[in-house]
């Protein structure tokens, strides 16, 4: 069993930056594919970013809407996943969720491929 706890959500102005954190516990962190998803009010959950593979050879993937602005990373020693968000836009406003996959099966962009989810953290970008 894996427990995920997100933090770092806040209200920022357009063009600003935030760093979200996801603290993982309950299982060796480095055996999972990890990802960030978001859900805006009235919209479906969407993929944001994912890290596949071990700590040393992790490969990152991004949604086109955040590529070049967001960076996913993780800290082995702290069992923590991060999402650095720069040049934020009002359309980035959403609840952001951290997710972990128990295996590498399924698509990294598909929320159904992930087995564990955090409670979410609200990010609001004002114009």
Foldseek 3Di string as FASTA:
>chain_A
DKAWAKDWADEEAQQAKTKMKIAMDDDQLFQWKKFKWWDAVPGDIWGAKIWDHGQVDTDIDGDPVQPPFWDWHDDNVRNMIMIIGGRDDQVVWTWMKMFIANHPDDDPGDPVRTDDIYPTGTHGYHD
